[in-house]
PDB file of N, CA and C in Angstrom:
ATOM      1  N   MET A   1     140.004 184.187 117.999  1.00  0.00           N
ATOM      2  CA  MET A   1     138.942 184.306 118.788  1.00  0.00           C
ATOM      3  C   MET A   1     137.770 185.328 117.589  1.00  0.00           C
ATOM      4  N   LYS A   2     138.125 185.089 116.239  1.00  0.00           N
ATOM      5  CA  LYS A   2     137.505 185.614 115.085  1.00  0.00           C
ATOM      6  C   LYS A   2     136.772 184.669 114.623  1.00  0.00           C
ATOM      7  N   TYR A   3     137.387 183.375 115.237  1.00  0.00           N
ATOM      8  CA  TYR A   3     136.387 181.976 114.692  1.00  0.00           C
ATOM      9  C   TYR A   3     135.648 181.419 115.418  1.00  0.00           C
ATOM     10  N   ALA A   4     135.589 181.980 116.623  1.00  0.00           N
ATOM     11  CA  ALA A   4     135.102 181.201 117.660  1.00  0.00           C
ATOM     12  C   ALA A   4     133.258 181.357 117.239  1.00  0.00           C
ATOM     13  N   LEU A   5     132.791 182.486 116.922  1.00  0.00           N
ATOM     14  CA  LEU A   5     131.436 182.306 116.754  1.00  0.00           C
ATOM     15  C   LEU A   5     130.995 181.267 115.400  1.00  0.00           C
ATOM     16  N   PRO A   6     131.672 181.667 114.191  1.00  0.00           N
ATOM     17  CA  PRO A   6     131.387 180.432 113.305  1.00  0.00           C
ATOM     18  C   PRO A   6     131.174 178.867 113.479  1.00  0.00           C
ATOM     19  N   LEU A   7     132.471 178.858 114.567  1.00  0.00           N
ATOM     20  CA  LEU A   7     132.470 177.583 115.111  1.00  0.00           C
ATOM     21  C   LEU A   7     131.407 177.092 116.312  1.00  0.00           C
ATOM     22  N   GLY A   8     131.170 177.804 116.821  1.00  0.00           N
ATOM     23  CA  GLY A   8     129.771 177.914 117.848  1.00  0.00           C
ATOM     24  C   GLY A   8     128.636 177.418 117.155  1.00  0.00           C
ATOM     25  N   ILE A   9     128.315 178.193 115.931  1.00  0.00           N
ATOM     26  CA  ILE A   9     127.086 177.515 115.132  1.00  0.00           C
ATOM     27  C   ILE A   9     127.198 176.211 114.414  1.00  0.00           C
ATOM     28  N   LEU A  10     128.229 176.229 114.043  1.00  0.00           N
ATOM     29  CA  LEU A  10     128.396 174.975 113.800  1.00  0.00           C
ATOM     30  C   LEU A  10     128.176 173.912 114.750  1.00  0.00           C
ATOM     31  N   LEU A  11     128.936 173.842 115.562  1.00  0.00           N
ATOM     32  CA  LEU A  11     128.924 172.856 116.760  1.00  0.00           C
ATOM     33  C   LEU A  11     127.237 173.064 117.166  1.00  0.00           C
ATOM     34  N   CYS A  12     126.542 173.936 117.318  1.00  0.00           N
ATOM     35  CA  CYS A  12     124.980 173.943 117.266  1.00  0.00           C
ATOM     36  C   CYS A  12     123.689 173.072 116.516  1.00  0.00           C
ATOM     37  N   LEU A  13     124.991 173.438 115.467  1.00  0.00           N
ATOM     38  CA  LEU A  13     123.369 173.126 114.081  1.00  0.00           C
ATOM     39  C   LEU A  13     122.700 171.928 114.216  1.00  0.00           C
ATOM     40  N   PRO A  14     123.522 170.867 114.650  1.00  0.00           N
ATOM     41  CA  PRO A  14     123.317 169.460 115.034  1.00  0.00           C
ATOM     42  C   PRO A  14     122.156 169.321 115.931  1.00  0.00           C
ATOM     43  N   VAL A  15     122.281 170.123 116.942  1.00  0.00           N
ATOM     44  CA  VAL A  15     121.119 170.242 118.086  1.00  0.00           C
ATOM     45  C   VAL A  15     119.810 171.010 117.805  1.00  0.00           C
ATOM     46  N   LEU A  16     120.309 171.696 116.873  1.00  0.00           N
ATOM     47  CA  LEU A  16     118.970 172.396 116.559  1.00  0.00           C
ATOM     48  C   LEU A  16     118.303 171.694 115.102  1.00  0.00           C
ATOM     49  N   LEU A  17     118.501 171.438 114.222  1.00  0.00           N
ATOM     50  CA  LEU A  17     117.774 170.564 113.171  1.00  0.00           C
ATOM     51  C   LEU A  17     117.550 169.222 113.735  1.00  0.00           C
ATOM     52  N   TRP A  18     117.973 168.624 115.265  1.00  0.00           N
ATOM     53  CA  TRP A  18     117.319 167.339 115.617  1.00  0.00           C
ATOM     54  C   TRP A  18     116.287 167.975 116.333  1.00  0.00           C
ATOM     55  N   ALA A  19     116.087 169.406 117.103  1.00  0.00           N
ATOM     56  CA  ALA A  19     115.140 169.780 117.934  1.00  0.00           C
ATOM     57  C   ALA A  19     114.121 170.075 117.166  1.00  0.00           C
ATOM     58  N   THR A  20     114.058 170.731 115.840  1.00  0.00           N
ATOM     59  CA  THR A  20     113.105 171.116 114.939  1.00  0.00           C
ATOM     60  C   THR A  20     112.426 169.587 114.037  1.00  0.00           C
ATOM     61  N   HIS A  21     113.087 168.869 114.377  1.00  0.00           N
ATOM     62  CA  HIS A  21     112.898 167.588 113.273  1.00  0.00           C
ATOM     63  C   HIS A  21     111.301 167.347 113.518  1.00  0.00           C
ATOM     64  N   GLY A  22     110.545 167.188 112.414  1.00  0.00           N
ATOM     65  CA  GLY A  22     108.975 166.768 112.348  1.00  0.00           C
ATOM     66  C   GLY A  22     108.078 168.136 112.591  1.00  0.00           C
ATOM     67  N   HIS A  23     108.501 169.182 113.181  1.00  0.00           N
ATOM     68  CA  HIS A  23     107.518 170.138 113.651  1.00  0.00           C
ATOM     69  C   HIS A  23     106.895 170.549 112.497  1.00  0.00           C
ATOM     70  N   TRP A  24     107.534 170.237 111.434  1.00  0.00           N
ATOM     71  CA  TRP A  24     106.890 170.773 110.138  1.00  0.00           C
ATOM     72  C   TRP A  24     105.270 170.222 109.812  1.00  0.00           C
ATOM     73  N   ILE A  25     104.966 169.013 110.786  1.00  0.00           N
ATOM     74  CA  ILE A  25     103.538 168.607 110.110  1.00  0.00           C
ATOM     75  C   ILE A  25     102.752 169.145 111.140  1.00  0.00           C
ATOM     76  N   ASP A  26     102.920 169.913 112.395  1.00  0.00           N
ATOM     77  CA  ASP A  26     102.352 170.498 113.046  1.00  0.00           C
ATOM     78  C   ASP A  26     101.457 171.436 111.798  1.00  0.00           C
ATOM     79  N   HIS A  27     101.917 172.004 110.948  1.00  0.00           N
ATOM     80  CA  HIS A  27     100.631 173.157 110.626  1.00  0.00           C
ATOM     81  C   HIS A  27     100.059 172.663 109.660  1.00  0.00           C
ATOM     82  N   TYR A  28      99.761 171.609 109.437  1.00  0.00           N
ATOM     83  CA  TYR A  28      99.047 171.082 108.479  1.00  0.00           C
ATOM     84  C   TYR A  28      97.641 170.373 109.117  1.00  0.00           C
ATOM     85  N   ARG A  29      96.627 170.854 108.005  1.00  0.00           N
ATOM     86  CA  ARG A  29      95.462 170.459 108.946  1.00  0.00           C
ATOM     87  C   ARG A  29      94.458 169.682 108.389  1.00  0.00           C
ATOM     88  N   ASN A  30      93.767 168.356 108.345  1.00  0.00           N
ATOM     89  CA  ASN A  30      92.551 167.747 107.754  1.00  0.00           C
ATOM     90  C   ASN A  30      91.429 168.094 107.528  1.00  0.00           C
ATOM     91  N   ALA A  31      90.825 167.596 106.808  1.00  0.00           N
ATOM     92  CA  ALA A  31      89.385 167.685 105.740  1.00  0.00           C
ATOM     93  C   ALA A  31      88.283 168.859 106.803  1.00  0.00           C
ATOM     94  N   ASN A  32      88.603 168.608 108.143  1.00  0.00           N
ATOM     95  CA  ASN A  32      87.588 169.144 108.685  1.00  0.00           C
ATOM     96  C   ASN A  32      88.631 170.445 109.551  1.00  0.00           C
ATOM     97  N   GLY A  33      89.399 170.745 109.292  1.00  0.00           N
ATOM     98  CA  GLY A  33      90.467 171.848 110.049  1.00  0.00           C
ATOM     99  C   GLY A  33      90.960 171.658 110.989  1.00  0.00           C
ATOM    100  N   ILE A  34      91.181 170.327 111.216  1.00  0.00           N
ATOM    101  CA  ILE A  34      91.867 169.785 112.383  1.00  0.00           C
ATOM    102  C   ILE A  34      93.190 169.781 112.313  1.00  0.00           C
ATOM    103  N   PRO A  35      94.323 170.000 113.217  1.00  0.00           N
ATOM    104  CA  PRO A  35      95.702 169.640 112.858  1.00  0.00           C
ATOM    105  C   PRO A  35      95.882 168.091 112.702  1.00  0.00           C
ATOM    106  N   CYS A  36      96.689 168.360 111.613  1.00  0.00           N
ATOM    107  CA  CYS A  36      96.981 166.596 111.302  1.00  0.00           C
ATOM    108  C   CYS A  36      97.119 166.026 112.772  1.00  0.00           C
ATOM    109  N   CYS A  37      97.809 166.395 113.567  1.00  0.00           N
ATOM    110  CA  CYS A  37      98.885 165.989 114.162  1.00  0.00           C
ATOM    111  C   CYS A  37     100.276 166.374 114.581  1.00  0.00           C
ATOM    112  N   GLY A  38     100.499 166.123 115.442  1.00  0.00           N
ATOM    113  CA  GLY A  38     102.371 166.729 115.633  1.00  0.00           C
ATOM    114  C   GLY A  38     103.096 165.034 115.071  1.00  0.00           C
ATOM    115  N   TRP A  39     104.191 165.535 115.048  1.00  0.00           N
ATOM    116  CA  TRP A  39     104.959 164.066 114.624  1.00  0.00           C
ATOM    117  C   TRP A  39     105.545 163.113 115.574  1.00  0.00           C
ATOM    118  N   GLN A  40     104.932 163.330 116.804  1.00  0.00           N
ATOM    119  CA  GLN A  40     104.901 162.173 117.772  1.00  0.00           C
ATOM    120  C   GLN A  40     103.445 160.931 117.215  1.00  0.00           C
ATOM    121  N   ASP A  41     102.576 161.807 116.325  1.00  0.00           N
ATOM    122  CA  ASP A  41     101.562 161.429 116.264  1.00  0.00           C
ATOM    123  C   ASP A  41     101.234 160.617 115.109  1.00  0.00           C
ATOM    124  N   CYS A  42     102.576 160.111 114.144  1.00  0.00           N
ATOM    125  CA  CYS A  42     102.686 159.725 113.072  1.00  0.00           C
ATOM    126  C   CYS A  42     103.924 158.754 112.962  1.00  0.00           C
ATOM    127  N   VAL A  43     103.351 157.951 111.924  1.00  0.00           N
ATOM    128  CA  VAL A  43     104.122 156.858 111.897  1.00  0.00           C
ATOM    129  C   VAL A  43     104.568 156.919 110.251  1.00  0.00           C
ATOM    130  N   LYS A  44     106.149 156.241 110.181  1.00  0.00           N
ATOM    131  CA  LYS A  44     106.609 156.083 109.025  1.00  0.00           C
ATOM    132  C   LYS A  44     105.821 155.017 108.171  1.00  0.00           C
ATOM    133  N   VAL A  45     105.431 155.141 106.774  1.00  0.00           N
ATOM    134  CA  VAL A  45     104.909 154.188 105.767  1.00  0.00           C
ATOM    135  C   VAL A  45     105.230 154.279 104.629  1.00  0.00           C
ATOM    136  N   THR A  46     105.158 153.732 103.607  1.00  0.00           N
ATOM    137  CA  THR A  46     104.889 153.250 102.333  1.00  0.00           C
ATOM    138  C   THR A  46     103.527 153.699 101.892  1.00  0.00           C
ATOM    139  N   ALA A  47     103.962 155.222 100.973  1.00  0.00           N
ATOM    140  CA  ALA A  47     102.223 155.295 100.548  1.00  0.00           C
ATOM    141  C   ALA A  47     102.529 156.089  99.211  1.00  0.00           C
ATOM    142  N   ARG A  48     101.775 155.768  98.191  1.00  0.00           N
ATOM    143  CA  ARG A  48     101.367 156.448  96.911  1.00  0.00           C
ATOM    144  C   ARG A  48      99.683 157.014  96.631  1.00  0.00           C
ATOM    145  N   LEU A  49      99.769 157.605  96.090  1.00  0.00           N
ATOM    146  CA  LEU A  49      98.481 158.089  95.473  1.00  0.00           C
ATOM    147  C   LEU A  49      97.709 157.330  93.531  1.00  0.00           C
ATOM    148  N   VAL A  50      96.984 156.649  94.285  1.00  0.00           N
ATOM    149  CA  VAL A  50      96.702 156.041  93.099  1.00  0.00           C
ATOM    150  C   VAL A  50      95.297 156.723  91.970  1.00  0.00           C
ATOM    151  N   GLU A  51      94.455 157.597  92.638  1.00  0.00           N
ATOM    152  CA  GLU A  51      94.065 158.081  91.644  1.00  0.00           C
ATOM    153  C   GLU A  51      92.960 159.138  92.488  1.00  0.00           C
ATOM    154  N   ASP A  52      92.773 160.704  91.677  1.00  0.00           N
ATOM    155  CA  ASP A  52      92.264 161.995  92.349  1.00  0.00           C
ATOM    156  C   ASP A  52      90.805 161.252  91.406  1.00  0.00           C
ATOM    157  N   ARG A  53      89.867 161.231  92.762  1.00  0.00           N
ATOM    158  CA  ARG A  53      88.383 160.993  92.641  1.00  0.00           C
ATOM    159  C   ARG A  53      87.581 161.806  93.025  1.00  0.00           C
ATOM    160  N   GLY A  54      88.343 163.642  92.551  1.00  0.00           N
ATOM    161  CA  GLY A  54      87.105 164.403  92.472  1.00  0.00           C
ATOM    162  C   GLY A  54      87.797 165.424  93.970  1.00  0.00           C
ATOM    163  N   THR A  55      86.923 165.196  94.929  1.00  0.00           N
ATOM    164  CA  THR A  55      87.159 165.724  96.188  1.00  0.00           C
ATOM    165  C   THR A  55      87.676 164.838  97.122  1.00  0.00           C
ATOM    166  N   ALA A  56      88.223 163.604  96.843  1.00  0.00           N
ATOM    167  CA  ALA A  56      89.150 162.727  97.367  1.00  0.00           C
ATOM    168  C   ALA A  56      90.209 161.854  96.756  1.00  0.00           C
ATOM    169  N   TRP A  57      91.116 161.002  97.682  1.00  0.00           N
ATOM    170  CA  TRP A  57      92.204 160.793  96.909  1.00  0.00           C
ATOM    171  C   TRP A  57      91.838 159.685  97.161  1.00  0.00           C
ATOM    172  N   HIS A  58      92.221 158.754  96.298  1.00  0.00           N
ATOM    173  CA  HIS A  58      92.596 157.095  96.710  1.00  0.00           C
ATOM    174  C   HIS A  58      93.880 156.967  97.098  1.00  0.00           C
ATOM    175  N   ALA A  59      94.157 156.495  97.979  1.00  0.00           N
ATOM    176  CA  ALA A  59      95.534 155.905  98.174  1.00  0.00           C
ATOM    177  C   ALA A  59      96.222 154.414  98.807  1.00  0.00           C
ATOM    178  N   GLU A  60      96.931 154.027  98.396  1.00  0.00           N
ATOM    179  CA  GLU A  60      97.669 152.871  98.945  1.00  0.00           C
ATOM    180  C   GLU A  60      98.408 153.177 100.034  1.00  0.00           C
ATOM    181  N   VAL A  61      98.668 153.201 101.035  1.00  0.00           N
ATOM    182  CA  VAL A  61      99.440 152.994 102.757  1.00  0.00           C
ATOM    183  C   VAL A  61      99.554 151.729 102.909  1.00  0.00           C
ATOM    184  N   ASN A  62     100.701 151.220 102.687  1.00  0.00           N
ATOM    185  CA  ASN A  62     101.368 149.784 103.623  1.00  0.00           C
ATOM    186  C   ASN A  62     100.654 148.936 102.946  1.00  0.00           C
ATOM    187  N   GLY A  63      99.947 149.401 101.221  1.00  0.00           N
ATOM    188  CA  GLY A  63      99.798 148.069 100.592  1.00  0.00           C
ATOM    189  C   GLY A  63      98.051 147.835 100.859  1.00  0.00           C
ATOM    190  N   THR A  64      97.419 149.271 101.753  1.00  0.00           N
ATOM    191  CA  THR A  64      96.487 149.089 102.330  1.00  0.00           C
ATOM    192  C   THR A  64      94.855 150.050 101.730  1.00  0.00           C
ATOM    193  N   SER A  65      94.174 149.842 100.804  1.00  0.00           N
ATOM    194  CA  SER A  65      93.520 150.969 100.017  1.00  0.00           C
ATOM    195  C   SER A  65      92.965 151.811 100.827  1.00  0.00           C
ATOM    196  N   VAL A  66      92.834 153.140 100.451  1.00  0.00           N
ATOM    197  CA  VAL A  66      92.097 154.115 101.728  1.00  0.00           C
ATOM    198  C   VAL A  66      91.502 155.118 100.839  1.00  0.00           C
ATOM    199  N   MET A  67      90.694 155.993 101.227  1.00  0.00           N
ATOM    200  CA  MET A  67      90.098 157.313 100.649  1.00  0.00           C
ATOM    201  C   MET A  67      90.150 158.036 102.002  1.00  0.00           C
ATOM    202  N   LEU A  68      90.809 158.844 101.097  1.00  0.00           N
ATOM    203  CA  LEU A  68      90.765 160.246 102.459  1.00  0.00           C
ATOM    204  C   LEU A  68      90.645 161.637 101.552  1.00  0.00           C
ATOM    205  N   PRO A  69      89.800 162.376 101.897  1.00  0.00           N
ATOM    206  CA  PRO A  69      89.218 163.719 101.565  1.00  0.00           C
ATOM    207  C   PRO A  69      90.655 164.711 101.028  1.00  0.00           C
ATOM    208  N   LYS A  70      90.629 165.079 100.187  1.00  0.00           N
ATOM    209  CA  LYS A  70      92.180 165.665  99.627  1.00  0.00           C
ATOM    210  C   LYS A  70      92.553 166.572 100.539  1.00  0.00           C
ATOM    211  N   GLU A  71      91.854 167.600 101.060  1.00  0.00           N
ATOM    212  CA  GLU A  71      92.169 168.140 102.190  1.00  0.00           C
ATOM    213  C   GLU A  71      93.115 167.630 103.077  1.00  0.00           C
ATOM    214  N   ALA A  72      93.151 166.280 103.248  1.00  0.00           N
ATOM    215  CA  ALA A  72      93.716 165.026 104.525  1.00  0.00           C
ATOM    216  C   ALA A  72      95.158 164.903 103.655  1.00  0.00           C
ATOM    217  N   VAL A  73      95.343 164.967 102.698  1.00  0.00           N
ATOM    218  CA  VAL A  73      96.825 164.469 101.823  1.00  0.00           C
ATOM    219  C   VAL A  73      97.175 165.663 101.471  1.00  0.00           C
ATOM    220  N   HIS A  74      98.646 165.744 102.048  1.00  0.00           N
ATOM    221  CA  HIS A  74      99.637 166.651 101.558  1.00  0.00           C
ATOM    222  C   HIS A  74     101.199 166.113 101.101  1.00  0.00           C
ATOM    223  N   LEU A  75     102.024 166.719 100.487  1.00  0.00           N
ATOM    224  CA  LEU A  75     103.105 166.549 100.508  1.00  0.00           C
ATOM    225  C   LEU A  75     103.933 166.251 101.445  1.00  0.00           C
ATOM    226  N   SER A  76     104.835 165.372 101.751  1.00  0.00           N
ATOM    227  CA  SER A  76     105.668 165.548 102.912  1.00  0.00           C
ATOM    228  C   SER A  76     106.589 166.178 102.188  1.00  0.00           C
ATOM    229  N   GLU A  77     107.373 167.144 103.503  1.00  0.00           N
ATOM    230  CA  GLU A  77     108.469 168.080 103.250  1.00  0.00           C
ATOM    231  C   GLU A  77     109.842 167.048 103.807  1.00  0.00           C
ATOM    232  N   GLU A  78     109.616 166.106 104.011  1.00  0.00           N
ATOM    233  CA  GLU A  78     111.101 164.887 103.909  1.00  0.00           C
ATOM    234  C   GLU A  78     110.764 164.002 103.035  1.00  0.00           C
ATOM    235  N   PRO A  79     112.148 163.255 102.258  1.00  0.00           N
ATOM    236  CA  PRO A  79     111.504 162.181 101.345  1.00  0.00           C
ATOM    237  C   PRO A  79     111.326 160.887 102.277  1.00  0.00           C
ATOM    238  N   VAL A  80     110.045 161.150 103.043  1.00  0.00           N
ATOM    239  CA  VAL A  80     109.777 160.330 103.439  1.00  0.00           C
ATOM    240  C   VAL A  80     107.686 160.358 104.096  1.00  0.00           C
ATOM    241  N   ALA A  81     107.080 159.020 103.711  1.00  0.00           N
ATOM    242  CA  ALA A  81     105.837 159.537 103.796  1.00  0.00           C
ATOM    243  C   ALA A  81     104.967 159.192 105.512  1.00  0.00           C
ATOM    244  N   TYR A  82     104.084 159.711 105.538  1.00  0.00           N
ATOM    245  CA  TYR A  82     103.804 159.394 106.843  1.00  0.00           C
ATOM    246  C   TYR A  82     102.492 159.582 106.958  1.00  0.00           C
ATOM    247  N   TRP A  83     101.905 158.578 107.816  1.00  0.00           N
ATOM    248  CA  TRP A  83     100.189 158.076 108.089  1.00  0.00           C
ATOM    249  C   TRP A  83     100.361 158.822 109.607  1.00  0.00           C
ATOM    250  N   CYS A  84      99.255 159.784 109.836  1.00  0.00           N
ATOM    251  CA  CYS A  84      98.824 160.014 110.745  1.00  0.00           C
ATOM    252  C   CYS A  84      97.372 159.545 111.212  1.00  0.00           C
ATOM    253  N   TYR A  85      97.248 159.399 112.243  1.00  0.00           N
ATOM    254  CA  TYR A  85      96.181 158.430 112.652  1.00  0.00           C
ATOM    255  C   TYR A  85      95.256 159.209 113.869  1.00  0.00           C
ATOM    256  N   ASN A  86      93.748 158.615 113.599  1.00  0.00           N
ATOM    257  CA  ASN A  86      93.138 159.208 114.700  1.00  0.00           C
ATOM    258  C   ASN A  86      93.381 158.619 115.964  1.00  0.00           C
ATOM    259  N   SER A  87      93.207 159.534 117.021  1.00  0.00           N
ATOM    260  CA  SER A  87      94.048 158.697 118.359  1.00  0.00           C
ATOM    261  C   SER A  87      92.652 158.011 119.133  1.00  0.00           C
ATOM    262  N   GLN A  88      92.055 157.061 118.534  1.00  0.00           N
ATOM    263  CA  GLN A  88      91.135 155.966 119.207  1.00  0.00           C
ATOM    264  C   GLN A  88      91.372 154.961 118.749  1.00  0.00           C
ATOM    265  N   ALA A  89      91.269 153.905 119.496  1.00  0.00           N
ATOM    266  CA  ALA A  89      92.152 152.477 119.370  1.00  0.00           C
ATOM    267  C   ALA A  89      90.922 151.793 117.994  1.00  0.00           C
ATOM    268  N   PRO A  90      91.488 151.396 117.119  1.00  0.00           N
ATOM    269  CA  PRO A  90      92.535 150.469 116.853  1.00  0.00           C
ATOM    270  C   PRO A  90      93.096 150.886 116.376  1.00  0.00           C
ATOM    271  N   CYS A  91      93.101 152.677 115.668  1.00  0.00           N
ATOM    272  CA  CYS A  91      93.787 153.212 114.907  1.00  0.00           C
ATOM    273  C   CYS A  91      95.176 153.537 115.390  1.00  0.00           C
ATOM    274  N   GLN A  92      95.206 153.815 116.491  1.00  0.00           N
ATOM    275  CA  GLN A  92      96.734 154.158 116.872  1.00  0.00           C
ATOM    276  C   GLN A  92      97.792 153.224 117.365  1.00  0.00           C
ATOM    277  N   PRO A  93      98.511 153.312 117.395  1.00  0.00           N
ATOM    278  CA  PRO A  93      99.709 151.499 117.395  1.00  0.00           C
ATOM    279  C   PRO A  93      99.408 151.276 118.735  1.00  0.00           C
ATOM    280  N   PRO A  94      99.580 150.202 119.542  1.00  0.00           N
ATOM    281  CA  PRO A  94     100.427 148.959 118.810  1.00  0.00           C
ATOM    282  C   PRO A  94      99.275 148.455 117.379  1.00  0.00           C
ATOM    283  N   GLN A  95      98.394 148.469 117.096  1.00  0.00           N
ATOM    284  CA  GLN A  95      97.336 147.900 116.647  1.00  0.00           C
ATOM    285  C   GLN A  95      97.334 148.681 115.341  1.00  0.00           C
ATOM    286  N   LEU A  96      97.451 149.873 115.164  1.00  0.00           N
ATOM    287  CA  LEU A  96      98.057 150.471 113.999  1.00  0.00           C
ATOM    288  C   LEU A  96      96.901 150.116 112.640  1.00  0.00           C
ATOM    289  N   GLU A  97      95.817 150.070 112.938  1.00  0.00           N
ATOM    290  CA  GLU A  97      95.052 150.103 111.844  1.00  0.00           C
ATOM    291  C   GLU A  97      94.609 151.375 110.638  1.00  0.00           C
ATOM    292  N   ILE A  98      95.274 150.883 109.520  1.00  0.00           N
ATOM    293  CA  ILE A  98      95.087 151.714 108.089  1.00  0.00           C
ATOM    294  C   ILE A  98      94.353 151.461 107.462  1.00  0.00           C
ATOM    295  N   SER A  99      93.411 152.440 107.562  1.00  0.00           N
ATOM    296  CA  SER A  99      91.484 152.143 107.095  1.00  0.00           C
ATOM    297  C   SER A  99      91.102 153.732 106.837  1.00  0.00           C
ATOM    298  N   SER A 100      90.413 153.783 106.261  1.00  0.00           N
ATOM    299  CA  SER A 100      89.675 155.253 105.681  1.00  0.00           C
ATOM    300  C   SER A 100      89.233 155.749 106.996  1.00  0.00           C
ATOM    301  N   ASP A 101      88.428 155.244 108.207  1.00  0.00           N
ATOM    302  CA  ASP A 101      87.968 155.559 109.166  1.00  0.00           C
ATOM    303  C   ASP A 101      88.983 156.162 110.323  1.00  0.00           C
ATOM    304  N   CYS A 102      90.179 155.465 109.768  1.00  0.00           N
ATOM    305  CA  CYS A 102      91.565 155.453 110.989  1.00  0.00           C
ATOM    306  C   CYS A 102      92.257 156.915 110.269  1.00  0.00           C
ATOM    307  N   GLY A 103      92.341 157.129 109.263  1.00  0.00           N
ATOM    308  CA  GLY A 103      93.625 157.717 108.821  1.00  0.00           C
ATOM    309  C   GLY A 103      92.818 159.477 108.714  1.00  0.00           C
ATOM    310  N   ARG A 104      93.651 160.094 109.774  1.00  0.00           N
ATOM    311  CA  ARG A 104      93.583 162.036 109.797  1.00  0.00           C
ATOM    312  C   ARG A 104      94.349 162.623 108.960  1.00  0.00           C
ATOM    313  N   CYS A 105      95.348 162.088 108.341  1.00  0.00           N
ATOM    314  CA  CYS A 105      96.239 162.996 107.065  1.00  0.00           C
ATOM    315  C   CYS A 105      97.245 161.740 107.073  1.00  0.00           C
ATOM    316  N   LEU A 106      97.352 161.988 105.420  1.00  0.00           N
ATOM    317  CA  LEU A 106      98.740 161.592 104.909  1.00  0.00           C
ATOM    318  C   LEU A 106      99.659 162.324 104.293  1.00  0.00           C
ATOM    319  N   PHE A 107     101.087 162.135 104.457  1.00  0.00           N
ATOM    320  CA  PHE A 107     101.898 163.005 103.504  1.00  0.00           C
ATOM    321  C   PHE A 107     102.391 161.737 102.812  1.00  0.00           C
ATOM    322  N   VAL A 108     102.433 162.357 101.726  1.00  0.00           N
ATOM    323  CA  VAL A 108     102.800 161.650 100.393  1.00  0.00           C
ATOM    324  C   VAL A 108     104.630 162.362 100.237  1.00  0.00           C
ATOM    325  N   ALA A 109     105.236 161.346 100.180  1.00  0.00           N
ATOM    326  CA  ALA A 109     107.008 161.510  99.846  1.00  0.00           C
ATOM    327  C   ALA A 109     106.758 161.552  98.179  1.00  0.00           C
ATOM    328  N   VAL A 110     107.530 162.647  98.248  1.00  0.00           N
ATOM    329  CA  VAL A 110     107.708 163.378  96.341  1.00  0.00           C
ATOM    330  C   VAL A 110     108.445 161.797  96.131  1.00  0.00           C
ATOM    331  N   GLY A 111     107.748 161.407  94.954  1.00  0.00           N
ATOM    332  CA  GLY A 111     108.198 160.386  94.264  1.00  0.00           C
ATOM    333  C   GLY A 111     107.650 159.446  94.714  1.00  0.00           C
ATOM    334  N   GLY A 112     106.725 159.565  95.508  1.00  0.00           N
ATOM    335  CA  GLY A 112     106.732 157.959  96.467  1.00  0.00           C
ATOM    336  C   GLY A 112     105.330 158.091  95.919  1.00  0.00           C
TER     337      GLY A 112
END
């Protein structure tokens, strides 16, 4: 009986981790102070920062060059980069245009 509580916690841990996955994105904002998006509005990408341009970052996202305000570029809290897109077509999937106009936020993976 003394192992019931620790065992219960261990059994529930995967469910808790799954339920909170991605929610860290909800706390970030873009250059206009608007939430970047929820984890359901972002897609995994390959991304790297190319050059600091003062008030903006020149970045490469899936091989496409984009310019985003510094306030819209964040470090990912996962070892994965995410592109958060504006909600109008053609920015959103299935087209998923990657451009400076379509980018709401970019989360760059550490070492990415």
